[in-house]
């Protein structure tokens, strides 16, 4: 083998070693992050006054069971919006004729719409107080998204609880109930809960978090559109530091 070929081969092997080391390092970082979430402190519904009697599911406008409640934040409305922004999530636009037409067109034309509206679900007898999303790809066909409802009860620090239902829209389909266009959610709702919690923790946008075990009464279910899901039944609760 010539000197030139030996140099090229040596560089090729060196680059491969660097690439492999990088992949291993990234995989280890993800594993550590996932383990960190799994090993976080376990709390109870006594962690906030609103948790004791909180609903476990949102409902549709017709009263059918909707998405499972799987995440919550404790803090003011300003705290919640700041946390979501720092975590890389966009506030969803309100549902209007204009925004509804735009999301339909952008799904067909594969154009980005990071503030696309989400459909209304109900908790405590009212629609969501806030909704956020994180787009995937170049259209609203797929996206991470979460709805939040603010509790009327506050804790000793005068902080409300924001109950949330986080899911992943994996594709657009014809609704089984209305016949119109809707999103089908992924059955792995725990991944969405964990992603949102991990995003906020990595952004240093929360002061801490804990898990409420067996918050969901059943490990499987269906949302209002008939999409099945499964869960480890835990609720993730993020605590936002008011001093930030």
Protein backbone atom coordinates (compact mmCIF):
# COMPACT_ATOMS: atom_id res chain seq x y z
CA UNK A 1 0.00 0.00 0.00
CA UNK A 2 1.35 3.42 -0.92
CA UNK A 3 2.01 6.12 1.71
CA UNK A 4 -0.92 8.16 0.32
CA UNK A 5 -3.32 5.22 0.57
CA UNK A 6 -2.14 4.47 4.13
CA UNK A 7 -2.79 8.11 5.14
CA UNK A 8 -6.27 8.11 3.57
CA UNK A 9 -7.09 4.76 5.22
CA UNK A 10 -5.82 6.01 8.58
CA UNK A 11 -7.93 9.16 8.32
CA UNK A 12 -10.96 7.09 7.30
CA UNK A 13 -10.61 4.83 10.35
CA UNK A 14 -10.05 7.83 12.60
CA UNK A 15 -13.22 9.50 11.31
CA UNK A 16 -15.14 6.27 11.85
CA UNK A 17 -13.89 6.09 15.44
CA UNK A 18 -14.94 9.69 16.06
CA UNK A 19 -18.37 9.03 14.52
CA UNK A 20 -18.89 5.89 16.61
CA UNK A 21 -17.76 7.68 19.76
CA UNK A 22 -20.16 10.54 19.03
CA UNK A 23 -23.09 8.18 18.50
CA UNK A 24 -22.25 6.30 21.71
CA UNK A 25 -21.94 9.56 23.63
CA UNK A 26 -25.29 10.85 22.32
CA UNK A 27 -26.96 7.52 23.07
CA UNK A 28 -25.54 7.58 26.59
CA UNK A 29 -26.74 11.15 27.10
CA UNK A 30 -30.27 10.20 26.00
CA UNK A 31 -30.24 7.14 28.27
CA UNK A 32 -29.06 9.21 31.22
CA UNK A 33 -31.75 11.79 30.54
CA UNK A 34 -34.43 9.09 30.32
CA UNK A 35 -33.12 7.44 33.49
CA UNK A 36 -33.10 10.82 35.21
CA UNK A 37 -36.80 11.26 34.44
CA UNK A 38 -37.58 7.75 35.61
CA UNK A 39 -35.70 8.14 38.88
CA UNK A 40 -37.22 11.50 39.82
CA UNK A 41 -38.98 11.81 43.18
CA UNK A 42 -42.44 10.34 43.55
CA UNK A 43 -45.10 12.60 45.00
CA UNK A 44 -48.79 12.33 45.74
CA UNK A 45 -51.94 14.23 44.87
CA UNK A 46 -51.33 16.25 48.03
CA UNK A 47 -48.59 18.10 46.14
CA UNK A 48 -51.18 20.69 45.07
CA UNK A 49 -54.74 21.25 46.39
CA UNK A 50 -56.24 20.93 42.89
CA UNK A 51 -54.77 17.44 42.34
CA UNK A 52 -56.92 15.67 44.90
CA UNK A 53 -60.15 16.04 42.90
CA UNK A 54 -58.71 16.67 39.45
CA UNK A 55 -60.21 14.96 36.38
CA UNK A 56 -58.20 12.16 34.80
CA UNK A 57 -59.40 12.82 31.24
CA UNK A 58 -60.53 15.70 29.09
CA UNK A 59 -63.87 15.35 27.35
CA UNK A 60 -65.22 16.23 23.92
CA UNK A 61 -68.00 18.76 23.32
CA UNK A 62 -70.46 15.85 23.32
CA UNK A 63 -69.21 14.61 26.69
CA UNK A 64 -67.21 11.63 25.42
CA UNK A 65 -63.92 10.79 27.09
CA UNK A 66 -61.06 12.61 25.38
CA UNK A 67 -57.28 12.68 25.87
CA UNK A 68 -55.74 11.42 29.11
CA UNK A 69 -54.32 13.97 31.54
CA UNK A 70 -50.63 13.05 31.83
CA UNK A 71 -48.68 16.20 32.70
CA UNK A 72 -49.08 19.27 34.91
CA UNK A 73 -47.19 22.43 35.79
CA UNK A 74 -47.42 24.55 38.92
CA UNK A 75 -46.98 28.29 38.33
CA UNK A 76 -48.61 31.43 37.01
CA UNK A 77 -49.86 31.86 33.43
CA UNK A 78 -46.80 33.95 32.66
CA UNK A 79 -44.58 31.23 34.12
CA UNK A 80 -46.23 28.58 31.95
CA UNK A 81 -45.84 30.56 28.72
CA UNK A 82 -42.22 31.39 29.52
CA UNK A 83 -41.45 27.76 30.31
CA UNK A 84 -42.98 26.54 27.06
CA UNK A 85 -41.20 29.19 25.00
CA UNK A 86 -37.82 28.36 26.57
CA UNK A 87 -38.51 24.68 25.93
CA UNK A 88 -39.01 25.28 22.19
CA UNK A 89 -42.82 24.98 22.05
CA UNK A 90 -45.12 27.42 20.20
CA UNK A 91 -48.44 28.79 21.45
CA UNK A 92 -51.31 27.54 19.27
CA UNK A 93 -53.51 30.06 17.47
CA UNK A 94 -57.19 30.27 18.37
CA UNK A 95 -59.65 28.39 16.15
CA UNK A 96 -61.13 30.78 13.60
CA UNK A 97 -62.33 30.40 10.03
CA UNK A 98 -59.01 31.82 8.84
CA UNK A 99 -56.77 29.57 10.97
CA UNK A 100 -58.90 26.51 10.21
CA UNK A 101 -58.59 27.16 6.47
CA UNK A 102 -54.87 27.73 6.79
CA UNK A 103 -54.12 24.49 8.67
CA UNK A 104 -56.16 22.51 6.11
CA UNK A 105 -54.30 24.14 3.22
CA UNK A 106 -50.89 23.79 4.85
CA UNK A 107 -51.46 20.09 5.51
CA UNK A 108 -52.28 19.54 1.83
CA UNK A 109 -49.53 21.80 0.48
CA UNK A 110 -47.00 20.68 3.11
CA UNK A 111 -46.28 24.19 4.34
CA UNK A 112 -45.11 24.93 7.89
CA UNK A 113 -47.51 26.39 10.45
CA UNK A 114 -45.84 26.28 13.91
CA UNK A 115 -48.80 28.05 15.59
CA UNK A 116 -51.52 25.88 14.04
CA UNK A 117 -54.73 25.68 16.10
CA UNK A 118 -55.75 22.58 18.04
CA UNK A 119 -59.30 21.32 18.48
CA UNK A 120 -61.18 22.11 21.68
CA UNK A 121 -61.38 19.65 24.55
CA UNK A 122 -63.00 20.24 27.92
CA UNK A 123 -61.88 19.96 31.53
CA UNK A 124 -63.68 21.41 34.53
CA UNK A 125 -66.49 22.29 32.12
CA UNK A 126 -64.48 24.59 29.85
CA UNK A 127 -62.15 24.44 26.86
CA UNK A 128 -58.40 24.53 27.29
CA UNK A 129 -56.91 27.76 28.65
CA UNK A 130 -53.72 27.34 26.63
CA UNK A 131 -52.29 25.02 23.99
CA UNK A 132 -48.78 24.59 22.65
CA UNK A 133 -47.10 22.58 19.93
CA UNK A 134 -43.79 21.67 18.37
CA UNK A 135 -43.91 20.99 14.62
CA UNK A 136 -42.37 17.96 12.96
CA UNK A 137 -41.33 18.28 9.33
CA UNK A 138 -42.62 20.94 6.97
CA UNK A 139 -46.38 20.79 7.59
CA UNK A 140 -48.93 20.48 10.43
CA UNK A 141 -49.56 16.83 9.47
CA UNK A 142 -47.37 15.74 12.37
CA UNK A 143 -46.71 17.64 15.59
CA UNK A 144 -46.16 17.34 19.30
CA UNK A 145 -48.90 19.17 21.16
CA UNK A 146 -50.40 19.73 24.59
CA UNK A 147 -53.51 21.41 26.01
CA UNK A 148 -53.58 22.98 29.48
CA UNK A 149 -56.42 23.88 31.86
CA UNK A 150 -55.87 26.22 34.81
CA UNK A 151 -57.17 25.20 38.21
CA UNK A 152 -59.19 27.63 40.29
CA UNK A 153 -57.50 26.31 43.44
CA UNK A 154 -54.02 27.59 44.28
CA UNK A 155 -51.33 26.32 46.62
CA UNK A 156 -49.75 28.03 49.63
CA UNK A 157 -47.58 30.14 47.29
CA UNK A 158 -50.71 31.26 45.37
CA UNK A 159 -49.77 29.16 42.36
CA UNK A 160 -52.44 27.48 40.21
CA UNK A 161 -52.10 24.01 38.74
CA UNK A 162 -52.08 23.62 34.96
CA UNK A 163 -53.39 20.16 34.07
CA UNK A 164 -52.24 19.04 30.64
CA UNK A 165 -52.88 16.35 28.05
CA UNK A 166 -49.83 15.81 25.82
CA UNK A 167 -50.12 13.72 22.65
CA UNK A 168 -48.40 13.33 19.28
CA UNK A 169 -50.39 13.93 16.08
CA UNK A 170 -49.01 11.26 13.76
CA UNK A 171 -51.15 11.87 10.68
CA UNK A 172 -54.27 13.54 9.28
CA UNK A 173 -57.32 11.33 8.69
CA UNK A 174 -61.09 11.46 8.25
CA UNK A 175 -62.81 11.64 11.64
CA UNK A 176 -64.77 8.52 12.62
CA UNK A 177 -67.34 10.69 14.40
CA UNK A 178 -67.71 13.91 12.36
CA UNK A 179 -66.55 12.87 8.89
CA UNK A 180 -64.23 15.89 8.75
CA UNK A 181 -60.45 16.11 8.77
CA UNK A 182 -58.75 15.42 12.10
CA UNK A 183 -55.43 14.24 13.50
CA UNK A 184 -54.84 10.71 14.67
CA UNK A 185 -52.74 10.53 17.84
CA UNK A 186 -49.93 8.10 18.53
CA UNK A 187 -50.83 5.48 21.15
CA UNK A 188 -47.56 6.15 23.01
CA UNK A 189 -48.74 9.13 25.06
CA UNK A 190 -46.07 8.58 27.74
CA UNK A 191 -43.39 9.51 25.21
CA UNK A 192 -45.06 12.90 24.67
CA UNK A 193 -45.34 13.50 28.40
CA UNK A 194 -41.69 12.59 28.90
CA UNK A 195 -40.55 14.67 25.93
CA UNK A 196 -42.25 17.82 27.21
CA UNK A 197 -40.88 17.30 30.71
CA UNK A 198 -37.40 16.61 29.36
CA UNK A 199 -37.53 19.67 27.07
CA UNK A 200 -38.39 21.93 30.02
CA UNK A 201 -35.77 20.34 32.27
CA UNK A 202 -33.00 20.60 29.65
CA UNK A 203 -33.91 24.26 29.05
CA UNK A 204 -33.65 24.89 32.82
CA UNK A 205 -37.19 26.26 32.57
CA UNK A 206 -38.53 24.51 35.69
CA UNK A 207 -37.27 24.30 39.24
CA UNK A 208 -38.03 20.59 39.61
CA UNK A 209 -40.57 17.86 38.95
CA UNK A 210 -42.06 14.72 40.46
CA UNK A 211 -44.31 11.81 39.51
CA UNK A 212 -47.75 10.90 40.80
CA UNK A 213 -48.07 7.12 40.48
CA UNK A 214 -51.29 5.46 39.28
CA UNK A 215 -52.90 8.80 38.45
CA UNK A 216 -54.63 7.24 35.48
CA UNK A 217 -57.06 4.52 36.60
CA UNK A 218 -56.41 2.27 33.56
CA UNK A 219 -53.26 1.49 31.51
CA UNK A 220 -55.15 1.63 28.19
CA UNK A 221 -57.96 3.68 26.70
CA UNK A 222 -59.27 5.59 23.70
CA UNK A 223 -59.62 9.30 23.07
CA UNK A 224 -62.71 11.06 21.71
CA UNK A 225 -61.79 10.18 18.13
CA UNK A 226 -61.49 6.49 18.95
CA UNK A 227 -57.67 6.46 18.83
CA UNK A 228 -56.25 3.89 21.29
CA UNK A 229 -53.43 4.69 23.70
CA UNK A 230 -51.46 3.02 26.47
CA UNK A 231 -49.75 4.51 29.51
CA UNK A 232 -47.78 3.66 32.66
CA UNK A 233 -50.54 5.62 34.45
CA UNK A 234 -48.17 8.26 35.89
CA UNK A 235 -48.71 12.02 36.00
CA UNK A 236 -45.64 14.22 35.62
CA UNK A 237 -45.75 17.45 37.66
CA UNK A 238 -43.28 20.25 36.86
CA UNK A 239 -42.76 23.02 39.42
CA UNK A 240 -41.89 26.44 38.03
CA UNK A 241 -39.79 28.72 40.24
CA UNK A 242 -41.56 32.08 40.59
CA UNK A 243 -38.22 33.80 41.19
CA UNK A 244 -36.97 33.09 37.66
